Amino acid sequence: MRCIFTNYQLLITMTTHFITAEIDLTSSPAKLHQEIENSLKKQGEPLRWAVTNVDEKEQKVRVEAIVTAKGS
């Protein structure tokens, strides 16, 4: 078997971003989890996230996340 290497390289640049999102509270934890994931995926691929605040009066949760996105 013979391998031939060329000077071509595949270069993919990924950037990470710290984001915050405000999500409406839902009736079930499973739905809330899915809504958080869907909201974060609009910004990139979530690496990790955490609920950092729950506002019961406004029925909102605050989520802080690290996401990756393809660079330009």
Protein backbone atom coordinates (compact mmCIF):
# COMPACT_ATOMS: atom_id res chain seq x y z
CA MET A 1 0.00 0.00 0.00
CA ARG A 2 1.31 3.40 -0.91
CA CYS A 3 0.22 6.70 0.65
CA ILE A 4 0.67 10.00 -1.09
CA PHE A 5 0.42 13.15 0.99
CA THR A 6 -0.36 16.49 -0.55
CA ASN A 7 -0.04 20.04 0.73
CA TYR A 8 -3.77 20.33 1.29
CA GLN A 9 -5.01 20.74 4.82
CA LEU A 10 -8.49 20.75 6.25
CA LEU A 11 -8.64 23.56 8.76
CA ILE A 12 -11.75 24.05 10.84
CA THR A 13 -11.73 26.91 13.28
CA MET A 14 -13.98 26.61 16.30
CA THR A 15 -14.64 29.45 18.71
CA THR A 16 -16.12 29.29 22.16
CA HIS A 17 -18.60 31.78 23.54
CA PHE A 18 -19.98 32.46 27.00
CA ILE A 19 -23.70 33.19 26.67
CA THR A 20 -26.66 33.80 28.92
CA ALA A 21 -30.24 32.97 28.06
CA GLU A 22 -33.57 33.59 29.72
CA ILE A 23 -36.04 30.74 29.32
CA ASP A 24 -39.72 30.54 30.30
CA LEU A 25 -40.46 28.05 33.04
CA THR A 26 -42.50 25.07 31.89
CA SER A 27 -44.72 22.59 33.66
CA SER A 28 -42.23 19.71 33.51
CA PRO A 29 -38.47 19.45 34.05
CA ALA A 30 -38.08 17.36 30.88
CA LYS A 31 -39.68 20.09 28.77
CA LEU A 32 -37.56 22.76 30.45
CA HIS A 33 -34.40 20.78 29.70
CA GLN A 34 -35.40 20.46 26.03
CA GLU A 35 -36.25 24.17 25.76
CA ILE A 36 -32.87 25.11 27.24
CA GLU A 37 -31.03 22.82 24.81
CA ASN A 38 -33.00 24.17 21.83
CA SER A 39 -32.37 27.78 22.82
CA LEU A 40 -28.64 27.23 23.27
CA LYS A 41 -28.26 25.36 19.97
CA LYS A 42 -29.37 28.53 18.17
CA GLN A 43 -26.04 30.04 19.30
CA GLY A 44 -23.81 27.00 18.71
CA GLU A 45 -23.12 23.57 20.17
CA PRO A 46 -23.43 23.64 23.98
CA LEU A 47 -20.40 22.29 25.84
CA ARG A 48 -21.89 22.89 29.26
CA TRP A 49 -24.62 24.95 30.83
CA ALA A 50 -26.14 25.70 34.22
CA VAL A 51 -29.32 27.27 35.55
CA THR A 52 -28.02 30.22 37.58
CA ASN A 53 -31.27 31.89 38.63
CA VAL A 54 -34.96 31.07 38.91
CA ASP A 55 -37.40 33.96 39.01
CA GLU A 56 -40.64 32.45 40.26
CA LYS A 57 -42.53 35.74 40.02
CA GLU A 58 -41.66 36.23 36.33
CA GLN A 59 -41.65 32.45 35.63
CA LYS A 60 -38.19 32.61 34.01
CA VAL A 61 -34.90 30.78 34.46
CA ARG A 62 -31.50 32.22 33.65
CA VAL A 63 -29.01 29.90 31.99
CA GLU A 64 -25.29 30.50 31.55
CA ALA A 65 -23.52 28.39 28.95
CA ILE A 66 -20.35 27.77 26.99
CA VAL A 67 -21.02 27.00 23.32
CA THR A 68 -18.78 26.34 20.34
CA ALA A 69 -19.39 27.62 16.85
CA LYS A 70 -17.51 27.35 13.59
CA GLY A 71 -15.31 30.35 13.01
CA SER A 72 -15.16 32.25 9.78
